[in-house]
Amino acid sequence: MPTLVRLVTALALIAGTVFAVMAALVTFVEPVRVPVSIEVPVPGLQTPPPVAPPSTPDRDAAPAAQAPPSP
């Protein structure tokens, strides 16, 4: 039981320290506002060109060679 009390006490002290540091930061630090501008590349905003439909096979061309049927 004494080990558990020491563990809980140590965790409470650590949590209290973290809370105190956070409270000090909120109280004493004033954020500085700075305007931000980001360059966006124009090609990144353009839409890609449309994809052409697949070409149809030429009807006058010879048919593709077929493999002989396997036995």
N, C-alpha and C. Protein backbone atom coordinates (compact mmCIF):
# COMPACT_ATOMS: atom_id res chain seq x y z
N MET A 1 0.80 -1.20 0.00
CA MET A 1 0.00 0.00 0.00
C MET A 1 0.85 1.27 0.00
N PRO A 2 1.96 1.32 0.74
CA PRO A 2 2.78 2.54 0.70
C PRO A 2 3.32 2.82 -0.70
N THR A 3 3.62 1.76 -1.47
CA THR A 3 4.14 1.96 -2.82
C THR A 3 3.08 2.61 -3.71
N LEU A 4 1.83 2.19 -3.53
CA LEU A 4 0.74 2.76 -4.31
C LEU A 4 0.54 4.24 -3.97
N VAL A 5 0.65 4.56 -2.69
CA VAL A 5 0.49 5.95 -2.26
C VAL A 5 1.61 6.80 -2.84
N ARG A 6 2.84 6.27 -2.85
CA ARG A 6 3.96 7.01 -3.43
C ARG A 6 3.76 7.22 -4.93
N LEU A 7 3.27 6.18 -5.62
CA LEU A 7 3.04 6.29 -7.06
C LEU A 7 1.97 7.35 -7.35
N VAL A 8 0.87 7.28 -6.63
CA VAL A 8 -0.20 8.25 -6.86
C VAL A 8 0.27 9.66 -6.52
N THR A 9 1.04 9.81 -5.46
CA THR A 9 1.57 11.13 -5.08
C THR A 9 2.51 11.66 -6.16
N ALA A 10 3.39 10.80 -6.67
CA ALA A 10 4.31 11.23 -7.73
C ALA A 10 3.55 11.64 -8.99
N LEU A 11 2.54 10.84 -9.37
CA LEU A 11 1.75 11.19 -10.55
C LEU A 11 0.98 12.49 -10.34
N ALA A 12 0.47 12.71 -9.13
CA ALA A 12 -0.25 13.95 -8.83
C ALA A 12 0.70 15.15 -8.91
N LEU A 13 1.92 15.00 -8.41
CA LEU A 13 2.89 16.09 -8.48
C LEU A 13 3.27 16.40 -9.93
N ILE A 14 3.45 15.37 -10.73
CA ILE A 14 3.79 15.58 -12.15
C ILE A 14 2.62 16.27 -12.86
N ALA A 15 1.40 15.80 -12.62
CA ALA A 15 0.23 16.42 -13.24
C ALA A 15 0.06 17.86 -12.78
N GLY A 16 0.30 18.13 -11.51
CA GLY A 16 0.22 19.49 -11.00
C GLY A 16 1.25 20.40 -11.62
N THR A 17 2.46 19.87 -11.83
CA THR A 17 3.52 20.66 -12.46
C THR A 17 3.16 21.00 -13.90
N VAL A 18 2.66 20.01 -14.62
CA VAL A 18 2.25 20.24 -16.01
C VAL A 18 1.12 21.27 -16.06
N PHE A 19 0.16 21.15 -15.17
CA PHE A 19 -0.94 22.11 -15.12
C PHE A 19 -0.44 23.51 -14.80
N ALA A 20 0.50 23.63 -13.87
CA ALA A 20 1.04 24.94 -13.49
C ALA A 20 1.79 25.58 -14.66
N VAL A 21 2.56 24.77 -15.41
CA VAL A 21 3.29 25.30 -16.56
C VAL A 21 2.30 25.77 -17.63
N MET A 22 1.26 24.99 -17.88
CA MET A 22 0.26 25.39 -18.87
C MET A 22 -0.45 26.68 -18.44
N ALA A 23 -0.79 26.80 -17.18
CA ALA A 23 -1.44 28.02 -16.68
C ALA A 23 -0.51 29.22 -16.81
N ALA A 24 0.78 29.02 -16.54
CA ALA A 24 1.74 30.12 -16.68
C ALA A 24 1.86 30.55 -18.14
N LEU A 25 1.87 29.59 -19.06
CA LEU A 25 1.95 29.93 -20.48
C LEU A 25 0.72 30.72 -20.93
N VAL A 26 -0.44 30.31 -20.47
CA VAL A 26 -1.67 31.02 -20.84
C VAL A 26 -1.65 32.44 -20.29
N THR A 27 -1.14 32.60 -19.09
CA THR A 27 -1.17 33.90 -18.43
C THR A 27 -0.12 34.86 -18.99
N PHE A 28 1.09 34.39 -19.20
CA PHE A 28 2.20 35.29 -19.50
C PHE A 28 2.60 35.39 -20.97
N VAL A 29 2.20 34.48 -21.81
CA VAL A 29 2.64 34.51 -23.21
C VAL A 29 1.50 35.04 -24.08
N GLU A 30 1.81 36.06 -24.85
CA GLU A 30 0.84 36.65 -25.77
C GLU A 30 1.21 36.22 -27.20
N PRO A 31 0.29 35.59 -27.92
CA PRO A 31 0.61 35.16 -29.29
C PRO A 31 0.76 36.36 -30.23
N VAL A 32 1.63 36.22 -31.20
CA VAL A 32 1.86 37.27 -32.19
C VAL A 32 1.21 36.83 -33.50
N ARG A 33 0.33 37.69 -34.02
CA ARG A 33 -0.32 37.37 -35.29
C ARG A 33 0.53 37.90 -36.43
N VAL A 34 0.81 37.02 -37.38
CA VAL A 34 1.61 37.38 -38.54
C VAL A 34 0.84 36.97 -39.79
N PRO A 35 0.71 37.88 -40.76
CA PRO A 35 0.01 37.48 -41.99
C PRO A 35 0.83 36.42 -42.73
N VAL A 36 0.12 35.46 -43.28
CA VAL A 36 0.78 34.36 -43.98
C VAL A 36 0.26 34.34 -45.41
N SER A 37 1.18 34.26 -46.37
CA SER A 37 0.78 34.09 -47.77
C SER A 37 1.52 32.88 -48.31
N ILE A 38 0.77 32.04 -49.01
CA ILE A 38 1.33 30.81 -49.54
C ILE A 38 1.17 30.83 -51.05
N GLU A 39 2.27 30.62 -51.77
CA GLU A 39 2.23 30.56 -53.23
C GLU A 39 1.68 29.20 -53.64
N VAL A 40 0.63 29.22 -54.45
CA VAL A 40 0.04 27.98 -54.96
C VAL A 40 0.39 27.88 -56.44
N PRO A 41 1.03 26.78 -56.86
CA PRO A 41 1.39 26.67 -58.27
C PRO A 41 0.13 26.54 -59.14
N VAL A 42 0.11 27.28 -60.25
CA VAL A 42 -1.06 27.29 -61.12
C VAL A 42 -1.32 25.92 -61.74
N PRO A 43 -0.30 25.16 -62.18
CA PRO A 43 -0.60 23.84 -62.75
C PRO A 43 -1.32 22.92 -61.76
N GLY A 44 -1.13 23.13 -60.49
CA GLY A 44 -1.82 22.31 -59.51
C GLY A 44 -3.31 22.59 -59.46
N LEU A 45 -3.74 23.76 -59.95
CA LEU A 45 -5.15 24.13 -59.92
C LEU A 45 -5.86 23.79 -61.23
N GLN A 46 -5.12 23.62 -62.30
CA GLN A 46 -5.74 23.35 -63.59
C GLN A 46 -6.21 21.90 -63.65
N THR A 47 -7.30 21.69 -64.38
CA THR A 47 -7.81 20.33 -64.54
C THR A 47 -6.99 19.62 -65.61
N PRO A 48 -6.79 18.33 -65.46
CA PRO A 48 -6.02 17.60 -66.47
C PRO A 48 -6.79 17.53 -67.78
N PRO A 49 -6.08 17.40 -68.90
CA PRO A 49 -6.78 17.32 -70.19
C PRO A 49 -7.64 16.06 -70.24
N PRO A 50 -8.75 16.11 -70.99
CA PRO A 50 -9.62 14.93 -71.05
C PRO A 50 -8.91 13.77 -71.73
N VAL A 51 -9.25 12.58 -71.29
CA VAL A 51 -8.65 11.38 -71.85
C VAL A 51 -9.40 11.02 -73.12
N ALA A 52 -8.65 10.75 -74.20
CA ALA A 52 -9.26 10.40 -75.48
C ALA A 52 -9.88 9.01 -75.37
N PRO A 53 -11.01 8.79 -76.03
CA PRO A 53 -11.61 7.45 -75.98
C PRO A 53 -10.71 6.45 -76.71
N PRO A 54 -10.78 5.19 -76.34
CA PRO A 54 -9.91 4.21 -77.00
C PRO A 54 -10.27 4.10 -78.48
N SER A 55 -9.25 3.88 -79.30
CA SER A 55 -9.48 3.79 -80.74
C SER A 55 -10.11 2.44 -81.07
N THR A 56 -10.95 2.44 -82.09
CA THR A 56 -11.59 1.20 -82.52
C THR A 56 -10.66 0.48 -83.49
N PRO A 57 -10.67 -0.84 -83.49
CA PRO A 57 -9.77 -1.56 -84.41
C PRO A 57 -10.20 -1.34 -85.86
N ASP A 58 -9.23 -1.37 -86.74
CA ASP A 58 -9.48 -1.17 -88.16
C ASP A 58 -10.16 -2.42 -88.72
N ARG A 59 -11.30 -2.25 -89.37
CA ARG A 59 -12.05 -3.40 -89.87
C ARG A 59 -11.38 -4.03 -91.10
N ASP A 60 -10.58 -3.26 -91.81
CA ASP A 60 -9.94 -3.79 -93.02
C ASP A 60 -8.66 -4.55 -92.69
N ALA A 61 -8.16 -4.47 -91.49
CA ALA A 61 -6.91 -5.13 -91.13
C ALA A 61 -7.14 -6.63 -91.01
N ALA A 62 -6.08 -7.39 -91.19
CA ALA A 62 -6.16 -8.85 -91.09
C ALA A 62 -6.44 -9.23 -89.64
N PRO A 63 -7.18 -10.31 -89.40
CA PRO A 63 -7.45 -10.72 -88.01
C PRO A 63 -6.15 -11.17 -87.33
N ALA A 64 -6.12 -11.03 -86.06
CA ALA A 64 -4.94 -11.42 -85.30
C ALA A 64 -4.75 -12.92 -85.37
N ALA A 65 -3.50 -13.34 -85.39
CA ALA A 65 -3.20 -14.77 -85.46
C ALA A 65 -3.66 -15.43 -84.17
N GLN A 66 -4.31 -16.58 -84.31
CA GLN A 66 -4.80 -17.30 -83.15
C GLN A 66 -3.93 -18.52 -82.91
N ALA A 67 -3.76 -18.88 -81.66
CA ALA A 67 -2.98 -20.07 -81.32
C ALA A 67 -3.83 -21.30 -81.64
N PRO A 68 -3.17 -22.38 -82.08
CA PRO A 68 -3.93 -23.60 -82.38
C PRO A 68 -4.55 -24.15 -81.09
N PRO A 69 -5.71 -24.77 -81.19
CA PRO A 69 -6.35 -25.31 -79.98
C PRO A 69 -5.50 -26.42 -79.37
N SER A 70 -5.46 -26.46 -78.08
CA SER A 70 -4.67 -27.50 -77.41
C SER A 70 -5.53 -28.75 -77.24
N PRO A 71 -4.91 -29.94 -77.32
CA PRO A 71 -5.68 -31.19 -77.23
C PRO A 71 -6.25 -31.46 -75.87
